[in-house]
């Protein structure tokens, strides 16, 4: 599939990407699906955001639908709601990006692992909250208003939504501008640039801890196991109770 047509290289501005009808249709379909999932979980949390390409608009058929619940929730309530609404949980993971970051739980609700619901297991600090502005985030109301937001993709290109599609350009050398556009601290931009560049070079996820929760193991039991085995995980989880 040729997603992009009439591409034009611009030395100072970036690259203009024009979307064809097929790509707009994919974008619309993924946003409708994101709204369906959010509506299904509305009684669990009133605050949910969609992050990444579905927020920016630069989607492809293979793009993930990432729904993030910023507050800590009880996992059994999520699982109950998912079952009640007819969803199947195809996988669960606990990921802690660094020893100092809050661990997060990830629930995959499609067989291709392209639809994911995530939430923190400990309180997020301000720097962690900023990361969700890095890739782009939208609320349910913003989706209903058909709003698209700027953000940085996995190739470390800043995506600026436009009526015709988007403009993109590498963030290297433009870190201050990226900070201003995304309304995140310059330090956050530099850190994400460093971490993601290193991941790209060595071909690894680079996360501190990643635990695939067996299908027959409750998330709470997995948390207890990791707290016994990993002191950094236990310390960060303990901060949640202070």
Protein backbone atom coordinates (compact mmCIF):
# COMPACT_ATOMS: atom_id res chain seq x y z
CA UNK A 1 0.00 0.00 0.00
CA UNK A 2 1.27 3.47 -0.85
CA UNK A 3 0.13 5.57 2.11
CA UNK A 4 1.71 8.81 1.02
CA UNK A 5 1.41 10.70 -2.26
CA UNK A 6 2.85 13.90 -3.63
CA UNK A 7 5.71 14.01 -1.14
CA UNK A 8 7.83 17.15 -1.32
CA UNK A 9 11.24 17.65 0.30
CA UNK A 10 11.66 21.01 2.00
CA UNK A 11 15.18 21.86 3.15
CA UNK A 12 14.22 24.22 5.96
CA UNK A 13 10.70 23.15 6.87
CA UNK A 14 10.76 19.41 6.52
CA UNK A 15 8.86 16.98 4.38
CA UNK A 16 5.23 17.45 3.46
CA UNK A 17 3.29 14.17 3.56
CA UNK A 18 -0.04 14.20 1.74
CA UNK A 19 -2.56 11.53 2.80
CA UNK A 20 -4.67 9.72 0.25
CA UNK A 21 -8.26 8.63 0.92
CA UNK A 22 -7.14 5.21 2.08
CA UNK A 23 -4.89 6.64 4.77
CA UNK A 24 -7.62 8.99 6.03
CA UNK A 25 -9.96 5.99 6.21
CA UNK A 26 -7.42 4.05 8.30
CA UNK A 27 -7.08 7.03 10.64
CA UNK A 28 -10.86 7.30 11.05
CA UNK A 29 -11.22 3.56 11.67
CA UNK A 30 -8.54 3.51 14.39
CA UNK A 31 -10.03 6.50 16.16
CA UNK A 32 -13.49 4.95 16.13
CA UNK A 33 -12.00 1.79 17.62
CA UNK A 34 -10.17 3.82 20.30
CA UNK A 35 -13.45 5.49 21.26
CA UNK A 36 -15.17 2.09 21.50
CA UNK A 37 -12.53 0.86 23.95
CA UNK A 38 -12.63 4.04 26.03
CA UNK A 39 -16.43 3.93 26.22
CA UNK A 40 -16.28 0.31 27.34
CA UNK A 41 -14.04 1.28 30.27
CA UNK A 42 -15.72 4.54 31.22
CA UNK A 43 -16.93 3.29 34.60
CA UNK A 44 -13.36 2.28 35.47
CA UNK A 45 -11.83 5.73 35.00
CA UNK A 46 -13.05 9.07 33.74
CA UNK A 47 -9.59 9.99 32.53
CA UNK A 48 -8.10 8.06 29.64
CA UNK A 49 -5.88 9.26 26.81
CA UNK A 50 -4.90 7.87 23.44
CA UNK A 51 -1.19 8.23 22.74
CA UNK A 52 1.11 7.90 19.74
CA UNK A 53 0.23 7.86 16.06
CA UNK A 54 -3.53 7.69 16.64
CA UNK A 55 -3.20 11.00 18.52
CA UNK A 56 -0.98 12.55 15.84
CA UNK A 57 -2.81 11.11 12.84
CA UNK A 58 0.14 9.58 10.97
CA UNK A 59 -1.30 6.06 11.17
CA UNK A 60 -0.79 2.99 9.02
CA UNK A 61 -2.66 -0.33 9.00
CA UNK A 62 -0.02 -1.71 11.39
CA UNK A 63 -0.23 1.21 13.86
CA UNK A 64 -0.99 0.41 17.51
CA UNK A 65 -3.98 1.76 19.38
CA UNK A 66 -2.46 2.78 22.73
CA UNK A 67 -4.84 3.75 25.50
CA UNK A 68 -3.30 4.99 28.73
CA UNK A 69 -5.01 5.45 32.09
CA UNK A 70 -2.83 7.99 34.00
CA UNK A 71 -3.99 6.93 37.45
CA UNK A 72 -3.44 3.65 39.27
CA UNK A 73 -6.42 1.30 39.04
CA UNK A 74 -7.33 -2.11 40.41
CA UNK A 75 -6.44 -4.69 37.81
CA UNK A 76 -9.26 -7.09 38.70
CA UNK A 77 -11.79 -4.35 37.90
CA UNK A 78 -10.20 -3.84 34.50
CA UNK A 79 -10.25 -7.56 33.79
CA UNK A 80 -13.87 -7.83 34.93
CA UNK A 81 -14.92 -4.96 32.67
CA UNK A 82 -13.04 -6.35 29.68
CA UNK A 83 -14.70 -9.73 30.11
CA UNK A 84 -18.11 -8.10 30.64
CA UNK A 85 -17.73 -6.10 27.42
CA UNK A 86 -16.68 -9.13 25.40
CA UNK A 87 -12.95 -8.48 25.11
CA UNK A 88 -10.27 -11.17 25.32
CA UNK A 89 -6.96 -10.49 27.06
CA UNK A 90 -4.28 -12.00 24.82
CA UNK A 91 -1.34 -10.92 26.95
CA UNK A 92 -0.27 -9.03 30.06
CA UNK A 93 3.08 -7.43 30.83
CA UNK A 94 4.70 -5.46 33.59
CA UNK A 95 7.37 -3.04 32.37
CA UNK A 96 9.66 -0.73 34.32
CA UNK A 97 11.68 1.46 31.96
CA UNK A 98 14.40 2.39 34.49
CA UNK A 99 14.96 1.64 38.21
CA UNK A 100 13.57 5.08 39.08
CA UNK A 101 10.48 5.02 36.88
CA UNK A 102 7.06 3.79 37.92
CA UNK A 103 6.30 0.25 36.71
CA UNK A 104 3.34 -0.01 34.34
CA UNK A 105 0.94 -2.79 33.40
CA UNK A 106 0.03 -3.50 29.78
CA UNK A 107 -3.05 -5.42 28.66
CA UNK A 108 -3.22 -6.55 25.03
CA UNK A 109 -6.78 -7.04 23.80
CA UNK A 110 -6.27 -8.22 20.23
CA UNK A 111 -4.50 -11.27 18.87
CA UNK A 112 -1.93 -9.16 16.99
CA UNK A 113 -0.98 -7.24 20.15
CA UNK A 114 -1.87 -3.96 18.42
CA UNK A 115 -4.52 -2.79 20.89
CA UNK A 116 -3.14 -2.09 24.34
CA UNK A 117 -4.43 -0.62 27.58
CA UNK A 118 -1.79 0.50 30.06
CA UNK A 119 -1.72 2.09 33.50
CA UNK A 120 0.90 2.87 36.17
CA UNK A 121 1.39 0.59 39.16
CA UNK A 122 2.91 3.46 41.18
CA UNK A 123 2.46 7.22 41.15
CA UNK A 124 3.99 8.93 38.14
CA UNK A 125 6.38 11.81 38.70
CA UNK A 126 6.19 15.00 36.64
CA UNK A 127 8.92 13.90 34.23
CA UNK A 128 7.08 10.66 33.49
CA UNK A 129 3.84 12.50 32.84
CA UNK A 130 5.66 14.72 30.35
CA UNK A 131 6.65 11.70 28.29
CA UNK A 132 3.06 11.28 27.15
CA UNK A 133 3.21 14.69 25.53
CA UNK A 134 6.35 13.58 23.69
CA UNK A 135 4.60 11.13 21.39
CA UNK A 136 1.30 13.00 21.31
CA UNK A 137 -1.82 12.49 23.41
CA UNK A 138 -5.53 13.18 22.99
CA UNK A 139 -8.53 12.77 25.26
CA UNK A 140 -11.92 11.38 24.32
CA UNK A 141 -13.33 14.89 23.87
CA UNK A 142 -10.43 15.85 21.61
CA UNK A 143 -11.06 12.78 19.47
CA UNK A 144 -14.72 13.75 19.18
CA UNK A 145 -13.57 17.18 18.00
CA UNK A 146 -11.30 15.45 15.45
CA UNK A 147 -8.25 17.09 17.00
CA UNK A 148 -4.78 15.90 16.03
CA UNK A 149 -1.68 16.89 17.98
CA UNK A 150 2.07 17.12 17.27
CA UNK A 151 4.44 14.50 18.62
CA UNK A 152 7.62 12.56 17.91
CA UNK A 153 7.42 9.18 16.20
CA UNK A 154 9.66 6.11 16.59
CA UNK A 155 12.01 7.39 13.86
CA UNK A 156 12.64 10.50 16.00
CA UNK A 157 10.80 12.75 13.58
CA UNK A 158 8.53 15.52 14.79
CA UNK A 159 5.07 15.16 13.24
CA UNK A 160 3.11 18.38 12.74
CA UNK A 161 -0.52 17.66 11.70
CA UNK A 162 -1.86 19.59 8.70
CA UNK A 163 -5.14 19.54 6.78
CA UNK A 164 -3.42 17.73 3.90
CA UNK A 165 -1.64 15.21 6.17
CA UNK A 166 1.44 16.25 8.10
CA UNK A 167 4.88 17.83 7.98
CA UNK A 168 7.75 15.86 9.46
CA UNK A 169 11.38 16.55 10.16
CA UNK A 170 14.18 15.02 12.25
CA UNK A 171 14.44 16.44 15.75
CA UNK A 172 18.26 16.58 15.72
CA UNK A 173 19.40 20.18 15.89
CA UNK A 174 15.85 21.34 16.59
CA UNK A 175 15.54 20.22 20.20
CA UNK A 176 14.57 23.67 21.53
CA UNK A 177 11.87 24.02 18.90
CA UNK A 178 10.56 20.52 19.68
CA UNK A 179 10.45 21.43 23.38
CA UNK A 180 8.39 24.53 22.62
CA UNK A 181 5.98 22.83 20.22
CA UNK A 182 5.32 19.86 22.50
CA UNK A 183 5.33 21.96 25.68
CA UNK A 184 7.82 19.66 27.38
CA UNK A 185 11.10 20.54 29.05
CA UNK A 186 14.23 20.63 26.91
CA UNK A 187 15.79 18.10 29.29
CA UNK A 188 12.97 15.68 28.47
CA UNK A 189 13.59 16.09 24.74
CA UNK A 190 17.33 15.48 25.13
CA UNK A 191 16.78 12.44 27.34
CA UNK A 192 14.27 10.83 24.98
CA UNK A 193 16.55 11.57 22.04
CA UNK A 194 19.47 9.89 23.80
CA UNK A 195 17.54 6.83 25.00
CA UNK A 196 15.69 6.18 21.76
CA UNK A 197 18.78 6.73 19.62
CA UNK A 198 20.64 4.15 21.68
CA UNK A 199 17.77 1.66 21.37
CA UNK A 200 17.78 2.13 17.62
CA UNK A 201 21.55 1.56 17.42
CA UNK A 202 21.69 -1.61 19.52
CA UNK A 203 18.30 -2.98 18.47
CA UNK A 204 17.00 -3.61 21.98
CA UNK A 205 14.07 -2.30 23.95
CA UNK A 206 16.45 -1.03 26.62
CA UNK A 207 13.95 -1.35 29.46
CA UNK A 208 15.11 -2.17 32.98
CA UNK A 209 12.42 -4.78 33.69
CA UNK A 210 9.95 -6.60 31.48
CA UNK A 211 7.84 -9.46 32.84
CA UNK A 212 5.30 -11.35 30.75
CA UNK A 213 2.50 -12.32 33.12
CA UNK A 214 1.26 -15.91 32.53
CA UNK A 215 -2.39 -16.05 31.47
CA UNK A 216 -3.35 -17.97 34.61
CA UNK A 217 -1.50 -15.60 36.98
CA UNK A 218 -3.39 -12.62 38.46
CA UNK A 219 -1.57 -9.32 38.03
CA UNK A 220 -1.46 -8.77 41.80
CA UNK A 221 0.38 -12.08 42.25
CA UNK A 222 2.89 -11.07 39.58
CA UNK A 223 3.47 -7.78 41.40
CA UNK A 224 4.11 -9.61 44.69
CA UNK A 225 6.57 -11.95 42.97
CA UNK A 226 8.51 -9.07 41.41
CA UNK A 227 8.62 -7.19 44.70
CA UNK A 228 10.34 -10.20 46.28
CA UNK A 229 12.78 -10.68 43.42
CA UNK A 230 13.67 -7.11 42.43
CA UNK A 231 14.59 -4.51 45.09
CA UNK A 232 14.35 -1.59 42.64
CA UNK A 233 10.83 -2.61 41.64
CA UNK A 234 9.92 -3.06 45.32
CA UNK A 235 11.32 0.36 46.25
CA UNK A 236 9.37 2.15 43.50
CA UNK A 237 6.19 0.31 44.44
CA UNK A 238 6.69 1.21 48.12
CA UNK A 239 6.80 4.90 47.18
CA UNK A 240 3.21 4.53 46.04
CA UNK A 241 2.14 4.08 49.66
CA UNK A 242 4.03 7.08 51.05
